[in-house]
C-alpha atoms as a PDB file:
ATOM      1  CA  MET A   1      93.236 112.450  89.392  1.00  0.00           C
ATOM      2  CA  GLU A   2      93.208 115.944  91.381  1.00  0.00           C
ATOM      3  CA  ALA A   3      96.483 117.267  93.049  1.00  0.00           C
ATOM      4  CA  GLN A   4      94.796 117.771  96.693  1.00  0.00           C
ATOM      5  CA  ALA A   5      93.721 113.671  96.450  1.00  0.00           C
ATOM      6  CA  VAL A   6      97.267 112.775  94.919  1.00  0.00           C
ATOM      7  CA  LEU A   7      98.850 114.527  97.966  1.00  0.00           C
ATOM      8  CA  GLU A   8      96.260 112.481 100.321  1.00  0.00           C
ATOM      9  CA  SER A   9      96.806 108.662  98.634  1.00  0.00           C
ATOM     10  CA  ALA A  10     100.712 109.535  99.157  1.00  0.00           C
ATOM     11  CA  GLY A  11      99.561 109.802 102.455  1.00  0.00           C
ATOM     12  CA  LEU A  12      99.352 113.302 104.258  1.00  0.00           C
ATOM     13  CA  SER A  13      96.244 114.137 105.596  1.00  0.00           C
ATOM     14  CA  GLY A  14      93.297 116.493 103.968  1.00  0.00           C
ATOM     15  CA  ASN A  15      94.755 119.318 106.780  1.00  0.00           C
ATOM     16  CA  GLU A  16      98.331 118.450 106.049  1.00  0.00           C
ATOM     17  CA  VAL A  17      97.220 119.003 101.812  1.00  0.00           C
ATOM     18  CA  LYS A  18      95.501 122.384 102.740  1.00  0.00           C
ATOM     19  CA  VAL A  19      98.593 123.455 105.139  1.00  0.00           C
ATOM     20  CA  TYR A  20     101.043 122.724 102.563  1.00  0.00           C
ATOM     21  CA  TYR A  21      99.047 124.570  99.512  1.00  0.00           C
ATOM     22  CA  ILE A  22      98.931 127.541 101.588  1.00  0.00           C
ATOM     23  CA  LEU A  23     102.537 127.844 102.482  1.00  0.00           C
ATOM     24  CA  LEU A  24     103.483 127.074  98.668  1.00  0.00           C
ATOM     25  CA  ASN A  25     101.231 130.295  97.603  1.00  0.00           C
ATOM     26  CA  LEU A  26     102.223 132.635 100.913  1.00  0.00           C
ATOM     27  CA  GLY A  27     106.186 131.216 100.771  1.00  0.00           C
ATOM     28  CA  SER A  28     106.271 131.720 104.883  1.00  0.00           C
ATOM     29  CA  ALA A  29     103.440 132.730 107.162  1.00  0.00           C
ATOM     30  CA  LEU A  30     102.736 132.230 110.586  1.00  0.00           C
ATOM     31  CA  ALA A  31     100.108 129.560 112.182  1.00  0.00           C
ATOM     32  CA  GLY A  32      97.349 131.772 112.681  1.00  0.00           C
ATOM     33  CA  GLU A  33      98.134 133.166 108.621  1.00  0.00           C
ATOM     34  CA  ILE A  34      97.777 129.782 108.037  1.00  0.00           C
ATOM     35  CA  THR A  35      94.742 128.783 110.208  1.00  0.00           C
ATOM     36  CA  LYS A  36      92.703 132.000 108.767  1.00  0.00           C
ATOM     37  CA  LYS A  37      93.505 130.954 104.980  1.00  0.00           C
ATOM     38  CA  SER A  38      92.872 126.917 105.755  1.00  0.00           C
ATOM     39  CA  GLY A  39      89.718 127.266 107.465  1.00  0.00           C
ATOM     40  CA  VAL A  40      91.122 124.773 109.675  1.00  0.00           C
ATOM     41  CA  ASN A  41      91.681 125.388 113.499  1.00  0.00           C
ATOM     42  CA  ARG A  42      94.371 126.291 115.161  1.00  0.00           C
ATOM     43  CA  THR A  43      94.349 122.673 116.928  1.00  0.00           C
ATOM     44  CA  ASN A  44      94.934 121.068 113.332  1.00  0.00           C
ATOM     45  CA  VAL A  45      97.419 123.534 111.751  1.00  0.00           C
ATOM     46  CA  TYR A  46      99.582 123.021 114.695  1.00  0.00           C
ATOM     47  CA  ASP A  47      98.962 118.958 114.552  1.00  0.00           C
ATOM     48  CA  ALA A  48      99.913 118.914 110.423  1.00  0.00           C
ATOM     49  CA  LEU A  49     102.537 121.440 110.876  1.00  0.00           C
ATOM     50  CA  ASN A  50     104.245 119.466 112.966  1.00  0.00           C
ATOM     51  CA  ARG A  51     103.404 116.219 111.166  1.00  0.00           C
ATOM     52  CA  LEU A  52     104.511 117.656 107.551  1.00  0.00           C
ATOM     53  CA  ILE A  53     107.836 119.348 109.770  1.00  0.00           C
ATOM     54  CA  GLU A  54     108.163 115.518 110.909  1.00  0.00           C
ATOM     55  CA  ARG A  55     107.989 114.416 106.586  1.00  0.00           C
ATOM     56  CA  GLY A  56     110.491 117.060 105.965  1.00  0.00           C
ATOM     57  CA  LEU A  57     107.737 118.866 103.811  1.00  0.00           C
ATOM     58  CA  VAL A  58     107.802 122.075 106.177  1.00  0.00           C
ATOM     59  CA  SER A  59     110.314 123.951 107.827  1.00  0.00           C
ATOM     60  CA  PHE A  60     110.667 126.834 110.135  1.00  0.00           C
ATOM     61  CA  VAL A  61     112.627 130.052 111.498  1.00  0.00           C
ATOM     62  CA  ILE A  62     112.024 132.272 114.086  1.00  0.00           C
ATOM     63  CA  LYS A  63     112.483 136.038 113.169  1.00  0.00           C
ATOM     64  CA  ALA A  64     111.629 138.660 115.790  1.00  0.00           C
ATOM     65  CA  ASN A  65     110.736 135.958 118.248  1.00  0.00           C
ATOM     66  CA  ARG A  66     107.934 134.696 115.970  1.00  0.00           C
ATOM     67  CA  LYS A  67     107.690 131.084 114.389  1.00  0.00           C
ATOM     68  CA  TYR A  68     107.695 131.555 110.471  1.00  0.00           C
ATOM     69  CA  PHE A  69     106.666 127.978 108.575  1.00  0.00           C
ATOM     70  CA  GLU A  70     107.799 127.405 104.979  1.00  0.00           C
ATOM     71  CA  ALA A  71     107.042 124.516 102.650  1.00  0.00           C
ATOM     72  CA  ALA A  72     109.618 122.514 101.148  1.00  0.00           C
ATOM     73  CA  PRO A  73     109.903 122.202  97.392  1.00  0.00           C
ATOM     74  CA  PRO A  74     107.423 120.056  95.782  1.00  0.00           C
ATOM     75  CA  GLN A  75     110.366 117.709  94.652  1.00  0.00           C
ATOM     76  CA  ARG A  76     110.491 116.945  98.550  1.00  0.00           C
ATOM     77  CA  ILE A  77     107.479 114.865  98.601  1.00  0.00           C
ATOM     78  CA  ILE A  78     109.174 112.412  96.621  1.00  0.00           C
ATOM     79  CA  LYS A  79     112.113 111.844  98.555  1.00  0.00           C
ATOM     80  CA  TYR A  80     109.603 111.521 101.492  1.00  0.00           C
ATOM     81  CA  LEU A  81     107.580 108.762  99.545  1.00  0.00           C
ATOM     82  CA  GLU A  82     111.657 107.333  99.195  1.00  0.00           C
ATOM     83  CA  GLU A  83     112.057 107.342 102.431  1.00  0.00           C
ATOM     84  CA  LYS A  84     108.830 105.649 103.250  1.00  0.00           C
ATOM     85  CA  GLU A  85     109.217 102.882 100.657  1.00  0.00           C
ATOM     86  CA  GLU A  86     112.619 102.163 101.909  1.00  0.00           C
ATOM     87  CA  ASP A  87     111.006 101.851 105.738  1.00  0.00           C
ATOM     88  CA  ILE A  88     108.115  99.486 104.360  1.00  0.00           C
ATOM     89  CA  GLN A  89     111.513  97.187 102.278  1.00  0.00           C
ATOM     90  CA  SER A  90     113.468  97.181 105.594  1.00  0.00           C
ATOM     91  CA  LYS A  91     110.161  95.925 107.563  1.00  0.00           C
ATOM     92  CA  LYS A  92     109.297  93.745 104.602  1.00  0.00           C
ATOM     93  CA  LYS A  93     112.787  91.838 105.172  1.00  0.00           C
ATOM     94  CA  LEU A  94     112.006  91.731 109.161  1.00  0.00           C
ATOM     95  CA  VAL A  95     108.858  89.756 108.352  1.00  0.00           C
ATOM     96  CA  GLU A  96     110.641  87.602 105.787  1.00  0.00           C
ATOM     97  CA  ASP A  97     113.299  86.521 108.450  1.00  0.00           C
ATOM     98  CA  ILE A  98     110.450  85.852 110.665  1.00  0.00           C
ATOM     99  CA  LEU A  99     108.399  84.133 107.930  1.00  0.00           C
ATOM    100  CA  PRO A 100     109.293  80.377 108.764  1.00  0.00           C
ATOM    101  CA  ASN A 101     108.733  80.667 112.156  1.00  0.00           C
ATOM    102  CA  LEU A 102     105.001  81.754 111.523  1.00  0.00           C
ATOM    103  CA  GLU A 103     104.455  79.235 109.129  1.00  0.00           C
ATOM    104  CA  LYS A 104     105.793  76.982 111.332  1.00  0.00           C
ATOM    105  CA  ARG A 105     103.279  77.940 114.404  1.00  0.00           C
ATOM    106  CA  ARG A 106     100.402  77.751 111.765  1.00  0.00           C
ATOM    107  CA  LYS A 107     101.312  74.346 111.012  1.00  0.00           C
ATOM    108  CA  LEU A 108     101.186  73.197 114.330  1.00  0.00           C
ATOM    109  CA  SER A 109      97.770  74.894 114.924  1.00  0.00           C
ATOM    110  CA  LYS A 110      96.472  74.540 111.751  1.00  0.00           C
ATOM    111  CA  GLU A 111      96.961  70.072 112.602  1.00  0.00           C
ATOM    112  CA  SER A 112      93.830  70.774 115.410  1.00  0.00           C
ATOM    113  CA  GLN A 113      91.861  73.168 113.044  1.00  0.00           C
ATOM    114  CA  GLU A 114      88.452  71.921 111.456  1.00  0.00           C
ATOM    115  CA  ALA A 115      87.386  75.229 110.231  1.00  0.00           C
ATOM    116  CA  THR A 116      88.380  78.538 109.052  1.00  0.00           C
ATOM    117  CA  ILE A 117      85.817  81.596 108.067  1.00  0.00           C
ATOM    118  CA  TYR A 118      86.554  84.043 105.616  1.00  0.00           C
ATOM    119  CA  SER A 119      84.317  86.868 105.092  1.00  0.00           C
ATOM    120  CA  GLY A 120      84.514  89.517 102.142  1.00  0.00           C
ATOM    121  CA  ARG A 121      86.403  90.343  99.069  1.00  0.00           C
ATOM    122  CA  ARG A 122      89.830  90.036 100.844  1.00  0.00           C
ATOM    123  CA  GLY A 123      88.291  86.763 102.717  1.00  0.00           C
ATOM    124  CA  LEU A 124      87.263  84.885  98.974  1.00  0.00           C
ATOM    125  CA  LYS A 125      90.630  86.272  97.446  1.00  0.00           C
ATOM    126  CA  SER A 126      92.053  84.522 100.243  1.00  0.00           C
ATOM    127  CA  VAL A 127      90.481  81.184 100.172  1.00  0.00           C
ATOM    128  CA  ALA A 128      91.008  80.699  96.483  1.00  0.00           C
ATOM    129  CA  GLU A 129      94.545  81.688  96.716  1.00  0.00           C
ATOM    130  CA  GLU A 130      94.542  78.800  99.672  1.00  0.00           C
ATOM    131  CA  VAL A 131      92.907  75.874  97.337  1.00  0.00           C
ATOM    132  CA  PHE A 132      95.002  76.801  94.366  1.00  0.00           C
ATOM    133  CA  LYS A 133      98.426  76.514  96.684  1.00  0.00           C
ATOM    134  CA  THR A 134      97.581  73.595  98.141  1.00  0.00           C
ATOM    135  CA  LYS A 135      95.909  71.675  95.492  1.00  0.00           C
ATOM    136  CA  LYS A 136      93.599  69.627  97.853  1.00  0.00           C
ATOM    137  CA  GLU A 137      89.804  68.895  98.104  1.00  0.00           C
ATOM    138  CA  MET A 138      88.398  71.409  99.772  1.00  0.00           C
ATOM    139  CA  LEU A 139      84.569  72.406 101.287  1.00  0.00           C
ATOM    140  CA  VAL A 140      83.484  75.947 100.819  1.00  0.00           C
ATOM    141  CA  PHE A 141      80.269  77.334 102.060  1.00  0.00           C
ATOM    142  CA  GLY A 142      78.739  80.462 101.695  1.00  0.00           C
ATOM    143  CA  ALA A 143      75.562  82.621 101.302  1.00  0.00           C
ATOM    144  CA  GLU A 144      73.529  82.562  98.021  1.00  0.00           C
ATOM    145  CA  GLY A 145      73.794  85.716  95.870  1.00  0.00           C
ATOM    146  CA  LYS A 146      76.737  87.440  97.519  1.00  0.00           C
ATOM    147  CA  PHE A 147      79.542  85.685  95.709  1.00  0.00           C
ATOM    148  CA  VAL A 148      78.236  88.093  92.499  1.00  0.00           C
ATOM    149  CA  LYS A 149      77.841  91.089  94.648  1.00  0.00           C
ATOM    150  CA  LEU A 150      81.518  90.979  95.741  1.00  0.00           C
ATOM    151  CA  PHE A 151      82.472  90.788  92.271  1.00  0.00           C
END
């Protein structure tokens, strides 16, 4: 996979990747220089810089009343991903804590429910999981030929 695609899959936007690459090459640069080198308009460069600063991937220093931006070492990307992973784990724990309450609500509403509609590949996966989990007879209807197209 190409480096830009890898960084985008890690959560950076295309503009953020361009700005980060330019700063890696230049070492230190003004926003105007980044704009010229990247071909990205100035507003989007500043937006990308601010998001990169929030993620700890870019820093800045002020020299002679001008703001120079610098890329953090590439190893910082790993630290950013670890922080992101910790945040996801924290959110997952919170959801796990309220899961019994959510399941209870679902059971209450499901008693009166007679039909559920799923669509697409994820919907089909949900139906299959539900059938295997409940081990009860279920009637399933679908459009002919669509099943094959999804897989």
